[in-house]
Every structure is written in C-alpha cells, then in structure tokens.
Amino acid sequence: MNRINKFMYTVVKGEKVRIKVSFTPASQSGSFAVLTLDGEPLEPSGNPPVYEFTVTKDVEHEHVVKMDFTFMPDAPATAKYSVEVSGSKGGTFSFEVNKGDPIIDPNVRFRVVVG
C-alpha cells in the first residue's frame, strides 16, 4: 500500500487492508464510527475497533470506504478520531478527524494498481 494523499491509497489485488479507529478522549461514551465498503457495512472487531477487507477489484478500479464519524454534542472541542490504515503488502499511514473539521465523514479510496 502506498499513500497518495490523506484519503487516497494504492493497493494490489489480494492485499488485505486494515483500518484501526481510535477515539480521543478514550473515556468518552457515545462516540460512533460506521464504515462501509463499496456501500456494504464493514463490521469491526476488537477495541479499539479494527475493520478489515481484502482487495478484490481489478487494476484501475477502486474500493471506497465511507467513514461516518459522529461526535456527540457533549464531546469536548479536542475530541478526535485517529485512523490508522495499513496493508498486508506493507505501508502504515494515519490521519485524524477532529470535531471541528469541515469533513467528518470522509470517503477513503483504495485504487488498485499493478503489483
């Protein structure tokens, strides 16, 4: 996996993608993250939640992960989601979505390239 920008990555067919989502402050209840892959729900495992999928698209196509992050009204101004994206073929990248950001529901694209 390689990073093009904050919300765009290149992957190869068959690669396993792992997305870990953490919320700060950790003790904050009522924080919700919902991820979908190409319109279908991705189910997390563990705590913090980890979402995984295998790249099945062909070269020059994309998988799109829609990340819907909810900040409860009582969340402090410093509240944020930390996202770590990694691939089984290498590459680990991270970004944050803060409560005050203009985009709190990013579409993250995984473009399939020749391995």
N, C-alpha and C. Protein backbone atom coordinates (compact mmCIF):
# COMPACT_ATOMS: atom_id res chain seq x y z
N MET A 1 0.85 -1.18 0.00
CA MET A 1 0.00 0.00 0.00
C MET A 1 0.89 1.24 0.00
N ASN A 2 0.47 2.19 -0.81
CA ASN A 2 1.12 3.49 -0.83
C ASN A 2 0.07 4.57 -0.63
N ARG A 3 0.50 5.70 -0.08
CA ARG A 3 -0.40 6.81 0.18
C ARG A 3 -0.24 7.87 -0.90
N ILE A 4 -1.34 8.24 -1.52
CA ILE A 4 -1.35 9.33 -2.49
C ILE A 4 -1.62 10.64 -1.75
N ASN A 5 -2.65 10.63 -0.90
CA ASN A 5 -2.97 11.74 -0.01
C ASN A 5 -3.75 11.19 1.18
N LYS A 6 -4.24 12.07 2.00
CA LYS A 6 -4.92 11.67 3.25
C LYS A 6 -6.04 10.65 3.01
N PHE A 7 -6.76 10.78 1.90
CA PHE A 7 -7.91 9.92 1.65
C PHE A 7 -7.78 9.07 0.38
N MET A 8 -6.56 8.86 -0.13
CA MET A 8 -6.36 8.05 -1.33
C MET A 8 -5.11 7.19 -1.19
N TYR A 9 -5.27 5.89 -1.45
CA TYR A 9 -4.18 4.92 -1.31
C TYR A 9 -4.16 4.03 -2.54
N THR A 10 -2.99 3.47 -2.85
CA THR A 10 -2.91 2.46 -3.90
C THR A 10 -2.66 1.12 -3.23
N VAL A 11 -3.30 0.09 -3.79
CA VAL A 11 -3.21 -1.27 -3.27
C VAL A 11 -3.11 -2.22 -4.45
N VAL A 12 -2.86 -3.50 -4.16
CA VAL A 12 -2.85 -4.51 -5.21
C VAL A 12 -3.94 -5.53 -4.92
N LYS A 13 -4.43 -6.16 -5.97
CA LYS A 13 -5.47 -7.17 -5.82
C LYS A 13 -4.98 -8.28 -4.90
N GLY A 14 -5.81 -8.67 -3.96
CA GLY A 14 -5.45 -9.71 -2.99
C GLY A 14 -4.87 -9.18 -1.70
N GLU A 15 -4.49 -7.90 -1.67
CA GLU A 15 -3.94 -7.30 -0.46
C GLU A 15 -5.02 -7.18 0.61
N LYS A 16 -4.64 -7.40 1.85
CA LYS A 16 -5.56 -7.22 2.97
C LYS A 16 -5.36 -5.82 3.54
N VAL A 17 -6.45 -5.08 3.67
CA VAL A 17 -6.43 -3.72 4.19
C VAL A 17 -6.98 -3.75 5.61
N ARG A 18 -6.30 -3.05 6.50
CA ARG A 18 -6.69 -2.99 7.91
C ARG A 18 -6.85 -1.52 8.29
N ILE A 19 -7.99 -1.20 8.92
CA ILE A 19 -8.28 0.18 9.33
C ILE A 19 -8.62 0.15 10.82
N LYS A 20 -7.77 0.79 11.62
CA LYS A 20 -8.00 0.87 13.06
C LYS A 20 -8.47 2.27 13.40
N VAL A 21 -9.56 2.36 14.18
CA VAL A 21 -10.15 3.65 14.54
C VAL A 21 -10.13 3.81 16.06
N SER A 22 -9.52 4.88 16.53
CA SER A 22 -9.49 5.19 17.97
C SER A 22 -10.15 6.54 18.18
N PHE A 23 -10.79 6.70 19.34
CA PHE A 23 -11.45 7.95 19.67
C PHE A 23 -10.80 8.56 20.89
N THR A 24 -10.55 9.87 20.86
CA THR A 24 -9.99 10.59 21.99
C THR A 24 -10.96 11.69 22.37
N PRO A 25 -11.34 11.83 23.61
CA PRO A 25 -10.82 11.11 24.79
C PRO A 25 -11.37 9.69 24.87
N ALA A 26 -10.52 8.77 25.27
CA ALA A 26 -10.87 7.35 25.28
C ALA A 26 -12.07 7.06 26.17
N SER A 27 -12.26 7.83 27.23
CA SER A 27 -13.35 7.57 28.15
C SER A 27 -14.69 8.12 27.65
N GLN A 28 -14.66 8.85 26.56
CA GLN A 28 -15.89 9.48 26.04
C GLN A 28 -16.87 8.41 25.56
N SER A 29 -18.05 8.41 26.13
CA SER A 29 -19.07 7.48 25.65
C SER A 29 -19.89 8.18 24.58
N GLY A 30 -20.56 7.39 23.79
CA GLY A 30 -21.41 7.97 22.76
C GLY A 30 -20.68 8.43 21.52
N SER A 31 -19.48 7.94 21.28
CA SER A 31 -18.80 8.23 20.03
C SER A 31 -19.07 7.05 19.09
N PHE A 32 -19.37 7.36 17.85
CA PHE A 32 -19.76 6.30 16.93
C PHE A 32 -19.01 6.43 15.62
N ALA A 33 -18.49 5.32 15.15
CA ALA A 33 -17.88 5.27 13.83
C ALA A 33 -18.58 4.16 13.06
N VAL A 34 -19.02 4.47 11.85
CA VAL A 34 -19.64 3.48 10.98
C VAL A 34 -18.87 3.50 9.67
N LEU A 35 -18.37 2.34 9.24
CA LEU A 35 -17.63 2.25 7.99
C LEU A 35 -18.37 1.33 7.04
N THR A 36 -18.42 1.75 5.77
CA THR A 36 -18.99 0.90 4.73
C THR A 36 -17.96 0.73 3.63
N LEU A 37 -17.94 -0.43 3.02
CA LEU A 37 -17.05 -0.74 1.90
C LEU A 37 -17.90 -0.92 0.66
N ASP A 38 -17.73 -0.04 -0.30
CA ASP A 38 -18.50 -0.10 -1.55
C ASP A 38 -19.99 -0.22 -1.27
N GLY A 39 -20.47 0.50 -0.26
CA GLY A 39 -21.88 0.54 0.08
C GLY A 39 -22.37 -0.53 1.02
N GLU A 40 -21.50 -1.47 1.40
CA GLU A 40 -21.87 -2.55 2.31
C GLU A 40 -21.21 -2.33 3.67
N PRO A 41 -21.93 -2.58 4.78
CA PRO A 41 -21.35 -2.36 6.11
C PRO A 41 -20.09 -3.20 6.35
N LEU A 42 -19.11 -2.57 6.98
CA LEU A 42 -17.91 -3.28 7.44
C LEU A 42 -18.08 -3.48 8.94
N GLU A 43 -17.94 -4.70 9.40
CA GLU A 43 -18.10 -5.00 10.82
C GLU A 43 -16.73 -4.97 11.50
N PRO A 44 -16.62 -4.25 12.61
CA PRO A 44 -15.34 -4.16 13.31
C PRO A 44 -15.15 -5.33 14.27
N SER A 45 -13.91 -5.51 14.68
CA SER A 45 -13.59 -6.44 15.76
C SER A 45 -12.65 -5.72 16.72
N GLY A 46 -12.71 -6.11 17.98
CA GLY A 46 -11.78 -5.58 18.98
C GLY A 46 -12.13 -4.20 19.49
N ASN A 47 -11.26 -3.75 20.39
CA ASN A 47 -11.39 -2.42 20.98
C ASN A 47 -9.99 -1.86 21.19
N PRO A 48 -9.54 -0.84 20.48
CA PRO A 48 -10.33 -0.04 19.54
C PRO A 48 -10.73 -0.88 18.32
N PRO A 49 -11.82 -0.47 17.65
CA PRO A 49 -12.31 -1.26 16.53
C PRO A 49 -11.33 -1.32 15.36
N VAL A 50 -11.26 -2.51 14.77
CA VAL A 50 -10.43 -2.74 13.59
C VAL A 50 -11.35 -3.28 12.49
N TYR A 51 -11.25 -2.67 11.32
CA TYR A 51 -12.04 -3.07 10.16
C TYR A 51 -11.07 -3.65 9.14
N GLU A 52 -11.43 -4.77 8.51
CA GLU A 52 -10.54 -5.39 7.54
C GLU A 52 -11.31 -5.82 6.30
N PHE A 53 -10.63 -5.75 5.16
CA PHE A 53 -11.19 -6.30 3.93
C PHE A 53 -10.04 -6.68 3.00
N THR A 54 -10.35 -7.54 2.04
CA THR A 54 -9.38 -7.97 1.04
C THR A 54 -9.73 -7.30 -0.29
N VAL A 55 -8.72 -6.78 -0.96
CA VAL A 55 -8.90 -6.11 -2.24
C VAL A 55 -9.30 -7.15 -3.28
N THR A 56 -10.48 -6.95 -3.88
CA THR A 56 -10.98 -7.90 -4.88
C THR A 56 -11.15 -7.26 -6.26
N LYS A 57 -11.04 -5.94 -6.33
CA LYS A 57 -11.24 -5.25 -7.61
C LYS A 57 -10.03 -5.45 -8.51
N ASP A 58 -10.26 -5.24 -9.80
CA ASP A 58 -9.19 -5.35 -10.78
C ASP A 58 -8.42 -4.04 -10.88
N VAL A 59 -7.25 -4.11 -11.55
CA VAL A 59 -6.39 -2.94 -11.75
C VAL A 59 -7.20 -1.80 -12.39
N GLU A 60 -6.94 -0.59 -11.93
CA GLU A 60 -7.58 0.65 -12.38
C GLU A 60 -8.98 0.84 -11.82
N HIS A 61 -9.41 0.00 -10.88
CA HIS A 61 -10.68 0.17 -10.20
C HIS A 61 -10.40 0.55 -8.75
N GLU A 62 -11.45 0.93 -8.02
CA GLU A 62 -11.28 1.39 -6.64
C GLU A 62 -12.30 0.74 -5.71
N HIS A 63 -11.84 0.52 -4.49
CA HIS A 63 -12.73 0.25 -3.38
C HIS A 63 -12.90 1.59 -2.66
N VAL A 64 -14.11 1.88 -2.19
CA VAL A 64 -14.36 3.11 -1.45
C VAL A 64 -14.88 2.76 -0.06
N VAL A 65 -14.17 3.26 0.95
CA VAL A 65 -14.61 3.10 2.33
C VAL A 65 -15.16 4.44 2.79
N LYS A 66 -16.45 4.45 3.05
CA LYS A 66 -17.11 5.65 3.59
C LYS A 66 -17.01 5.58 5.10
N MET A 67 -16.42 6.61 5.69
CA MET A 67 -16.26 6.67 7.15
C MET A 67 -17.22 7.72 7.69
N ASP A 68 -18.13 7.31 8.52
CA ASP A 68 -19.11 8.21 9.11
C ASP A 68 -18.81 8.32 10.59
N PHE A 69 -18.24 9.45 10.99
CA PHE A 69 -17.85 9.67 12.38
C PHE A 69 -18.86 10.60 13.04
N THR A 70 -19.35 10.20 14.20
CA THR A 70 -20.30 11.01 14.96
C THR A 70 -19.62 11.55 16.21
N PHE A 71 -19.79 12.83 16.43
CA PHE A 71 -19.33 13.47 17.65
C PHE A 71 -20.57 13.87 18.43
N MET A 72 -20.71 13.37 19.62
CA MET A 72 -21.85 13.72 20.46
C MET A 72 -21.73 15.18 20.88
N PRO A 73 -22.87 15.85 21.13
CA PRO A 73 -22.83 17.27 21.49
C PRO A 73 -21.97 17.58 22.72
N ASP A 74 -21.90 16.64 23.66
CA ASP A 74 -21.11 16.90 24.87
C ASP A 74 -19.63 16.55 24.71
N ALA A 75 -19.22 16.11 23.51
CA ALA A 75 -17.80 15.81 23.29
C ALA A 75 -17.00 17.11 23.35
N PRO A 76 -15.83 17.09 23.98
CA PRO A 76 -15.04 18.32 24.07
C PRO A 76 -14.55 18.76 22.69
N ALA A 77 -14.18 20.02 22.58
CA ALA A 77 -13.70 20.57 21.31
C ALA A 77 -12.45 19.84 20.82
N THR A 78 -11.71 19.21 21.72
CA THR A 78 -10.48 18.49 21.36
C THR A 78 -10.75 17.05 20.94
N ALA A 79 -12.01 16.63 20.90
CA ALA A 79 -12.35 15.25 20.52
C ALA A 79 -11.89 14.97 19.09
N LYS A 80 -11.42 13.74 18.87
CA LYS A 80 -10.96 13.37 17.53
C LYS A 80 -10.99 11.87 17.35
N TYR A 81 -11.08 11.45 16.10
CA TYR A 81 -10.89 10.06 15.70
C TYR A 81 -9.50 9.96 15.07
N SER A 82 -8.74 8.98 15.51
CA SER A 82 -7.44 8.69 14.90
C SER A 82 -7.60 7.43 14.07
N VAL A 83 -7.20 7.50 12.82
CA VAL A 83 -7.39 6.39 11.89
C VAL A 83 -6.02 5.93 11.42
N GLU A 84 -5.78 4.62 11.54
CA GLU A 84 -4.54 4.01 11.04
C GLU A 84 -4.92 3.04 9.93
N VAL A 85 -4.34 3.25 8.75
CA VAL A 85 -4.61 2.43 7.58
C VAL A 85 -3.34 1.67 7.23
N SER A 86 -3.45 0.35 7.06
CA SER A 86 -2.27 -0.44 6.71
C SER A 86 -2.65 -1.53 5.72
N GLY A 87 -1.63 -2.00 5.00
CA GLY A 87 -1.83 -3.05 4.02
C GLY A 87 -0.92 -4.23 4.29
N SER A 88 -1.38 -5.42 3.93
CA SER A 88 -0.58 -6.63 4.16
C SER A 88 0.68 -6.68 3.31
N LYS A 89 0.74 -5.87 2.26
CA LYS A 89 1.93 -5.81 1.41
C LYS A 89 2.87 -4.69 1.83
N GLY A 90 2.58 -4.09 3.00
CA GLY A 90 3.43 -3.02 3.52
C GLY A 90 2.73 -1.67 3.48
N GLY A 91 3.21 -0.78 4.33
CA GLY A 91 2.67 0.57 4.40
C GLY A 91 1.70 0.73 5.54
N THR A 92 1.99 1.67 6.42
CA THR A 92 1.10 2.05 7.52
C THR A 92 1.03 3.57 7.56
N PHE A 93 -0.19 4.09 7.51
CA PHE A 93 -0.40 5.53 7.43
C PHE A 93 -1.50 5.93 8.40
N SER A 94 -1.49 7.18 8.83
CA SER A 94 -2.51 7.61 9.78
C SER A 94 -2.99 9.02 9.45
N PHE A 95 -4.20 9.29 9.89
CA PHE A 95 -4.76 10.64 9.81
C PHE A 95 -5.77 10.80 10.94
N GLU A 96 -6.15 12.04 11.19
CA GLU A 96 -7.12 12.33 12.25
C GLU A 96 -8.30 13.09 11.67
N VAL A 97 -9.45 12.88 12.31
CA VAL A 97 -10.64 13.65 12.01
C VAL A 97 -11.04 14.30 13.33
N ASN A 98 -10.94 15.62 13.38
CA ASN A 98 -11.21 16.38 14.59
C ASN A 98 -12.65 16.88 14.60
N LYS A 99 -13.16 17.10 15.80
CA LYS A 99 -14.54 17.55 15.95
C LYS A 99 -14.85 18.79 15.11
N GLY A 100 -13.93 19.72 15.01
CA GLY A 100 -14.18 20.96 14.29
C GLY A 100 -13.83 20.92 12.81
N ASP A 101 -13.39 19.77 12.29
CA ASP A 101 -13.01 19.69 10.88
C ASP A 101 -14.21 19.88 9.97
N PRO A 102 -13.98 20.48 8.78
CA PRO A 102 -15.09 20.65 7.84
C PRO A 102 -15.59 19.32 7.26
N ILE A 103 -14.71 18.32 7.19
CA ILE A 103 -15.10 16.99 6.69
C ILE A 103 -14.95 15.99 7.84
N ILE A 104 -16.09 15.47 8.32
CA ILE A 104 -16.02 14.46 9.37
C ILE A 104 -16.57 13.11 8.89
N ASP A 105 -16.87 13.03 7.59
CA ASP A 105 -17.34 11.77 7.01
C ASP A 105 -16.63 11.50 5.69
N PRO A 106 -15.30 11.26 5.75
CA PRO A 106 -14.53 11.13 4.52
C PRO A 106 -14.82 9.84 3.76
N ASN A 107 -14.66 9.92 2.44
CA ASN A 107 -14.61 8.74 1.58
C ASN A 107 -13.14 8.45 1.35
N VAL A 108 -12.69 7.28 1.75
CA VAL A 108 -11.30 6.89 1.56
C VAL A 108 -11.24 5.90 0.41
N ARG A 109 -10.42 6.22 -0.57
CA ARG A 109 -10.35 5.43 -1.80
C ARG A 109 -9.08 4.56 -1.83
N PHE A 110 -9.27 3.35 -2.31
CA PHE A 110 -8.17 2.41 -2.47
C PHE A 110 -8.13 2.00 -3.94
N ARG A 111 -7.21 2.64 -4.69
CA ARG A 111 -7.08 2.38 -6.13
C ARG A 111 -6.18 1.18 -6.35
N VAL A 112 -6.66 0.24 -7.16
CA VAL A 112 -5.91 -0.98 -7.44
C VAL A 112 -4.92 -0.71 -8.57
N VAL A 113 -3.66 -1.04 -8.29
CA VAL A 113 -2.59 -0.87 -9.27
C VAL A 113 -1.92 -2.21 -9.54
N VAL A 114 -1.09 -2.23 -10.55
CA VAL A 114 -0.33 -3.45 -10.89
C VAL A 114 0.67 -3.73 -9.79
N GLY A 115 0.70 -4.96 -9.29
CA GLY A 115 1.62 -5.33 -8.22
C GLY A 115 2.95 -5.57 -8.77
